[in-house]
C-alpha atoms as a PDB file:
ATOM      1  CA  UNK A   1       0.076   0.304  -0.142  1.00  0.00           C
ATOM      2  CA  UNK A   2       1.297   3.068  -0.706  1.00  0.00           C
ATOM      3  CA  UNK A   3       1.988   6.286   1.764  1.00  0.00           C
ATOM      4  CA  UNK A   4      -1.377   8.275   1.098  1.00  0.00           C
ATOM      5  CA  UNK A   5      -3.437   4.860   1.437  1.00  0.00           C
ATOM      6  CA  UNK A   6      -1.531   4.183   4.483  1.00  0.00           C
ATOM      7  CA  UNK A   7      -1.935   7.978   5.903  1.00  0.00           C
ATOM      8  CA  UNK A   8      -5.518   7.559   5.194  1.00  0.00           C
ATOM      9  CA  UNK A   9      -6.320   4.211   6.649  1.00  0.00           C
ATOM     10  CA  UNK A  10      -4.179   4.951  10.017  1.00  0.00           C
ATOM     11  CA  UNK A  11      -6.736   8.223  10.313  1.00  0.00           C
ATOM     12  CA  UNK A  12      -9.509   6.147   9.563  1.00  0.00           C
ATOM     13  CA  UNK A  13      -8.504   3.985  12.121  1.00  0.00           C
ATOM     14  CA  UNK A  14      -7.636   6.694  15.204  1.00  0.00           C
ATOM     15  CA  UNK A  15     -11.355   7.953  14.515  1.00  0.00           C
ATOM     16  CA  UNK A  16     -12.656   4.741  14.690  1.00  0.00           C
ATOM     17  CA  UNK A  17     -10.994   3.668  17.218  1.00  0.00           C
ATOM     18  CA  UNK A  18     -10.028   6.449  19.504  1.00  0.00           C
ATOM     19  CA  UNK A  19     -12.009   9.829  18.501  1.00  0.00           C
ATOM     20  CA  UNK A  20     -14.572   9.528  16.721  1.00  0.00           C
ATOM     21  CA  UNK A  21     -16.290  12.694  18.414  1.00  0.00           C
ATOM     22  CA  UNK A  22     -13.652  14.598  16.858  1.00  0.00           C
ATOM     23  CA  UNK A  23     -15.275  14.682  13.571  1.00  0.00           C
ATOM     24  CA  UNK A  24     -18.672  14.607  14.687  1.00  0.00           C
ATOM     25  CA  UNK A  25     -20.084  10.829  15.236  1.00  0.00           C
ATOM     26  CA  UNK A  26     -21.141   8.925  17.773  1.00  0.00           C
ATOM     27  CA  UNK A  27     -20.513   5.187  17.911  1.00  0.00           C
ATOM     28  CA  UNK A  28     -23.389   2.357  18.592  1.00  0.00           C
ATOM     29  CA  UNK A  29     -22.121   0.182  22.052  1.00  0.00           C
ATOM     30  CA  UNK A  30     -20.506  -2.115  18.942  1.00  0.00           C
ATOM     31  CA  UNK A  31     -18.698   0.578  17.324  1.00  0.00           C
ATOM     32  CA  UNK A  32     -20.458   1.188  14.472  1.00  0.00           C
ATOM     33  CA  UNK A  33     -21.207   3.973  12.552  1.00  0.00           C
ATOM     34  CA  UNK A  34     -23.161   4.885   9.262  1.00  0.00           C
ATOM     35  CA  UNK A  35     -21.013   4.381   6.308  1.00  0.00           C
ATOM     36  CA  UNK A  36     -22.345   7.396   4.393  1.00  0.00           C
ATOM     37  CA  UNK A  37     -22.300   9.722   7.459  1.00  0.00           C
ATOM     38  CA  UNK A  38     -18.672   8.292   8.594  1.00  0.00           C
ATOM     39  CA  UNK A  39     -17.043  10.044   4.820  1.00  0.00           C
ATOM     40  CA  UNK A  40     -19.059  12.886   4.895  1.00  0.00           C
ATOM     41  CA  UNK A  41     -17.796  13.821   7.871  1.00  0.00           C
ATOM     42  CA  UNK A  42     -14.162  12.353   7.336  1.00  0.00           C
ATOM     43  CA  UNK A  43     -14.549  14.443   4.162  1.00  0.00           C
ATOM     44  CA  UNK A  44     -15.382  17.580   6.352  1.00  0.00           C
ATOM     45  CA  UNK A  45     -12.918  17.341   9.244  1.00  0.00           C
ATOM     46  CA  UNK A  46      -9.501  16.076   7.529  1.00  0.00           C
ATOM     47  CA  UNK A  47     -10.212  17.612   3.971  1.00  0.00           C
ATOM     48  CA  UNK A  48      -9.604  14.444   2.234  1.00  0.00           C
ATOM     49  CA  UNK A  49     -11.375  13.277   0.254  1.00  0.00           C
ATOM     50  CA  UNK A  50     -12.621   9.501   0.835  1.00  0.00           C
ATOM     51  CA  UNK A  51     -15.546   7.368  -0.850  1.00  0.00           C
ATOM     52  CA  UNK A  52     -16.824   3.609   0.005  1.00  0.00           C
ATOM     53  CA  UNK A  53     -14.571   2.320  -2.928  1.00  0.00           C
ATOM     54  CA  UNK A  54     -11.415   4.015  -1.361  1.00  0.00           C
ATOM     55  CA  UNK A  55     -12.100   2.647   2.216  1.00  0.00           C
ATOM     56  CA  UNK A  56     -12.635  -0.798   0.071  1.00  0.00           C
ATOM     57  CA  UNK A  57      -9.188  -0.502  -1.881  1.00  0.00           C
ATOM     58  CA  UNK A  58      -7.726   0.526   1.429  1.00  0.00           C
ATOM     59  CA  UNK A  59      -8.595  -2.805   3.466  1.00  0.00           C
ATOM     60  CA  UNK A  60      -8.070  -5.042  -0.317  1.00  0.00           C
ATOM     61  CA  UNK A  61      -4.235  -4.042   0.190  1.00  0.00           C
ATOM     62  CA  UNK A  62      -3.915  -4.376   4.084  1.00  0.00           C
ATOM     63  CA  UNK A  63      -3.061  -7.361   5.804  1.00  0.00           C
ATOM     64  CA  UNK A  64      -3.741  -5.568   9.076  1.00  0.00           C
ATOM     65  CA  UNK A  65      -7.540  -5.297   8.506  1.00  0.00           C
ATOM     66  CA  UNK A  66      -8.000  -2.530  11.074  1.00  0.00           C
ATOM     67  CA  UNK A  67     -11.713  -2.305  10.067  1.00  0.00           C
ATOM     68  CA  UNK A  68     -14.393  -3.707   8.518  1.00  0.00           C
ATOM     69  CA  UNK A  69     -18.091  -2.648   6.214  1.00  0.00           C
ATOM     70  CA  UNK A  70     -20.975  -4.275   7.788  1.00  0.00           C
ATOM     71  CA  UNK A  71     -24.484  -3.407   6.407  1.00  0.00           C
ATOM     72  CA  UNK A  72     -24.414  -0.405   5.800  1.00  0.00           C
ATOM     73  CA  UNK A  73     -21.934   0.587   8.729  1.00  0.00           C
ATOM     74  CA  UNK A  74     -17.956   0.753   9.553  1.00  0.00           C
ATOM     75  CA  UNK A  75     -16.082  -0.066  12.463  1.00  0.00           C
ATOM     76  CA  UNK A  76     -12.873  -0.759  13.751  1.00  0.00           C
ATOM     77  CA  UNK A  77     -12.117  -4.350  14.867  1.00  0.00           C
ATOM     78  CA  UNK A  78     -10.156  -4.168  17.678  1.00  0.00           C
ATOM     79  CA  UNK A  79      -7.399  -1.511  19.681  1.00  0.00           C
ATOM     80  CA  UNK A  80     -10.812   0.710  20.993  1.00  0.00           C
ATOM     81  CA  UNK A  81      -9.813   2.830  23.832  1.00  0.00           C
ATOM     82  CA  UNK A  82     -13.646   4.129  23.570  1.00  0.00           C
ATOM     83  CA  UNK A  83     -16.442   1.747  24.794  1.00  0.00           C
ATOM     84  CA  UNK A  84     -16.887  -1.099  22.672  1.00  0.00           C
ATOM     85  CA  UNK A  85     -18.804  -4.027  23.127  1.00  0.00           C
ATOM     86  CA  UNK A  86     -17.612  -7.443  21.935  1.00  0.00           C
ATOM     87  CA  UNK A  87     -19.083  -8.297  18.124  1.00  0.00           C
ATOM     88  CA  UNK A  88     -18.449 -12.164  19.304  1.00  0.00           C
ATOM     89  CA  UNK A  89     -19.410 -14.258  22.309  1.00  0.00           C
ATOM     90  CA  UNK A  90     -16.573 -15.722  24.544  1.00  0.00           C
ATOM     91  CA  UNK A  91     -14.526 -18.706  22.754  1.00  0.00           C
ATOM     92  CA  UNK A  92     -12.132 -21.368  23.854  1.00  0.00           C
ATOM     93  CA  UNK A  93      -8.305 -19.844  23.023  1.00  0.00           C
ATOM     94  CA  UNK A  94      -5.621 -21.999  21.992  1.00  0.00           C
ATOM     95  CA  UNK A  95      -3.204 -23.279  24.762  1.00  0.00           C
ATOM     96  CA  UNK A  96      -1.000 -20.467  24.437  1.00  0.00           C
ATOM     97  CA  UNK A  97      -1.472 -16.642  23.089  1.00  0.00           C
ATOM     98  CA  UNK A  98       1.582 -13.891  22.564  1.00  0.00           C
ATOM     99  CA  UNK A  99       1.250 -10.334  23.405  1.00  0.00           C
ATOM    100  CA  UNK A 100       4.537  -8.227  21.706  1.00  0.00           C
ATOM    101  CA  UNK A 101       5.319  -4.966  24.311  1.00  0.00           C
ATOM    102  CA  UNK A 102       8.495  -2.871  24.395  1.00  0.00           C
ATOM    103  CA  UNK A 103      11.184  -3.176  26.345  1.00  0.00           C
ATOM    104  CA  UNK A 104       9.699  -0.798  28.620  1.00  0.00           C
ATOM    105  CA  UNK A 105       6.339  -1.652  28.350  1.00  0.00           C
ATOM    106  CA  UNK A 106       7.774  -5.233  29.471  1.00  0.00           C
ATOM    107  CA  UNK A 107       9.603  -4.548  32.693  1.00  0.00           C
ATOM    108  CA  UNK A 108       5.594  -3.048  33.786  1.00  0.00           C
ATOM    109  CA  UNK A 109       4.501  -6.569  32.718  1.00  0.00           C
ATOM    110  CA  UNK A 110       6.941  -8.735  34.586  1.00  0.00           C
ATOM    111  CA  UNK A 111       6.449  -6.388  38.052  1.00  0.00           C
ATOM    112  CA  UNK A 112       2.605  -5.624  37.535  1.00  0.00           C
ATOM    113  CA  UNK A 113       0.926  -8.102  35.208  1.00  0.00           C
ATOM    114  CA  UNK A 114      -0.641  -7.830  32.166  1.00  0.00           C
ATOM    115  CA  UNK A 115      -3.419  -5.025  31.735  1.00  0.00           C
ATOM    116  CA  UNK A 116      -5.824  -3.636  29.518  1.00  0.00           C
ATOM    117  CA  UNK A 117      -4.316   0.121  30.356  1.00  0.00           C
ATOM    118  CA  UNK A 118      -6.466   2.557  28.464  1.00  0.00           C
ATOM    119  CA  UNK A 119      -8.025   0.177  26.031  1.00  0.00           C
ATOM    120  CA  UNK A 120     -10.977  -1.618  26.540  1.00  0.00           C
ATOM    121  CA  UNK A 121      -9.586  -5.036  25.983  1.00  0.00           C
ATOM    122  CA  UNK A 122      -5.770  -6.620  26.012  1.00  0.00           C
ATOM    123  CA  UNK A 123      -4.943  -7.762  22.662  1.00  0.00           C
ATOM    124  CA  UNK A 124      -3.300 -11.387  22.178  1.00  0.00           C
ATOM    125  CA  UNK A 125      -2.041 -12.494  19.017  1.00  0.00           C
ATOM    126  CA  UNK A 126      -2.460 -16.650  17.730  1.00  0.00           C
ATOM    127  CA  UNK A 127       1.154 -16.726  16.992  1.00  0.00           C
ATOM    128  CA  UNK A 128       4.652 -15.457  18.055  1.00  0.00           C
ATOM    129  CA  UNK A 129       5.369 -13.931  14.569  1.00  0.00           C
ATOM    130  CA  UNK A 130       1.990 -11.885  14.578  1.00  0.00           C
ATOM    131  CA  UNK A 131       3.409 -10.764  17.967  1.00  0.00           C
ATOM    132  CA  UNK A 132       6.296  -9.524  16.673  1.00  0.00           C
ATOM    133  CA  UNK A 133       4.972  -7.865  13.845  1.00  0.00           C
ATOM    134  CA  UNK A 134       2.568  -5.981  16.632  1.00  0.00           C
ATOM    135  CA  UNK A 135       5.422  -5.142  18.183  1.00  0.00           C
ATOM    136  CA  UNK A 136       6.794  -3.726  16.336  1.00  0.00           C
ATOM    137  CA  UNK A 137       4.948  -0.977  16.277  1.00  0.00           C
ATOM    138  CA  UNK A 138       6.668   0.332  18.539  1.00  0.00           C
ATOM    139  CA  UNK A 139      10.050  -0.952  19.042  1.00  0.00           C
ATOM    140  CA  UNK A 140      12.745  -2.756  16.686  1.00  0.00           C
ATOM    141  CA  UNK A 141      13.478  -5.694  19.128  1.00  0.00           C
ATOM    142  CA  UNK A 142      10.196  -6.493  20.668  1.00  0.00           C
ATOM    143  CA  UNK A 143       9.571  -8.251  23.947  1.00  0.00           C
ATOM    144  CA  UNK A 144       7.189 -11.553  23.217  1.00  0.00           C
ATOM    145  CA  UNK A 145       4.749 -13.385  26.026  1.00  0.00           C
ATOM    146  CA  UNK A 146       3.572 -16.171  26.340  1.00  0.00           C
ATOM    147  CA  UNK A 147       0.335 -16.464  27.650  1.00  0.00           C
ATOM    148  CA  UNK A 148      -1.632 -19.739  28.950  1.00  0.00           C
ATOM    149  CA  UNK A 149      -4.862 -19.083  27.598  1.00  0.00           C
ATOM    150  CA  UNK A 150      -6.924 -21.878  27.849  1.00  0.00           C
ATOM    151  CA  UNK A 151      -5.523 -22.113  31.427  1.00  0.00           C
ATOM    152  CA  UNK A 152      -6.767 -18.611  32.346  1.00  0.00           C
ATOM    153  CA  UNK A 153     -10.350 -19.513  30.560  1.00  0.00           C
ATOM    154  CA  UNK A 154     -10.751 -22.709  32.457  1.00  0.00           C
ATOM    155  CA  UNK A 155     -10.197 -20.132  35.599  1.00  0.00           C
ATOM    156  CA  UNK A 156     -12.851 -17.845  34.153  1.00  0.00           C
ATOM    157  CA  UNK A 157     -11.331 -15.600  31.838  1.00  0.00           C
ATOM    158  CA  UNK A 158     -13.003 -14.286  28.719  1.00  0.00           C
ATOM    159  CA  UNK A 159     -11.679 -14.168  25.365  1.00  0.00           C
ATOM    160  CA  UNK A 160     -12.899 -12.748  21.883  1.00  0.00           C
ATOM    161  CA  UNK A 161     -11.304 -13.569  18.758  1.00  0.00           C
ATOM    162  CA  UNK A 162     -12.439 -11.314  16.005  1.00  0.00           C
ATOM    163  CA  UNK A 163      -8.928 -11.404  13.981  1.00  0.00           C
ATOM    164  CA  UNK A 164      -6.866 -11.008  16.935  1.00  0.00           C
ATOM    165  CA  UNK A 165      -7.778 -12.655  20.256  1.00  0.00           C
ATOM    166  CA  UNK A 166      -8.860 -10.362  23.198  1.00  0.00           C
ATOM    167  CA  UNK A 167      -9.193 -10.472  26.948  1.00  0.00           C
ATOM    168  CA  UNK A 168     -11.006  -7.703  28.914  1.00  0.00           C
ATOM    169  CA  UNK A 169      -9.902  -8.583  32.259  1.00  0.00           C
ATOM    170  CA  UNK A 170      -6.100  -8.515  31.979  1.00  0.00           C
END
């Protein structure tokens, strides 16, 4: 994906995950917003002309699948800092899931445990390679934690799977 499309994709994600109110929109309880309203408000606020076709082009070119268009709405699939309800029921996770993070955050995790911080969920990857990719967004050589997910689920922890694994408890 070229630089311009990446920039637009990140701006769409930021708006849907963190600050829809900055462009004058509110999300429904599941994080969805009317697609036509989103496009109109986005274009007006940012001055960047986007369309449904452009959003679909970005989605087709992106390996990260940051958002989805569903029934005339758009929503970020993960990474919200605004409260949203999961779209799926809790699922039994695999035996292990992985969390990639920075060296600075790793020290905190070792001392305090894995926490959701200012997000609704802790995001976990299905394999180490995905965790490395996630961690590299903020650290060129991220620390990878292995989480005993099945054991945590058997102890009452809830896990949701929607492109990535999420846990609201940590």
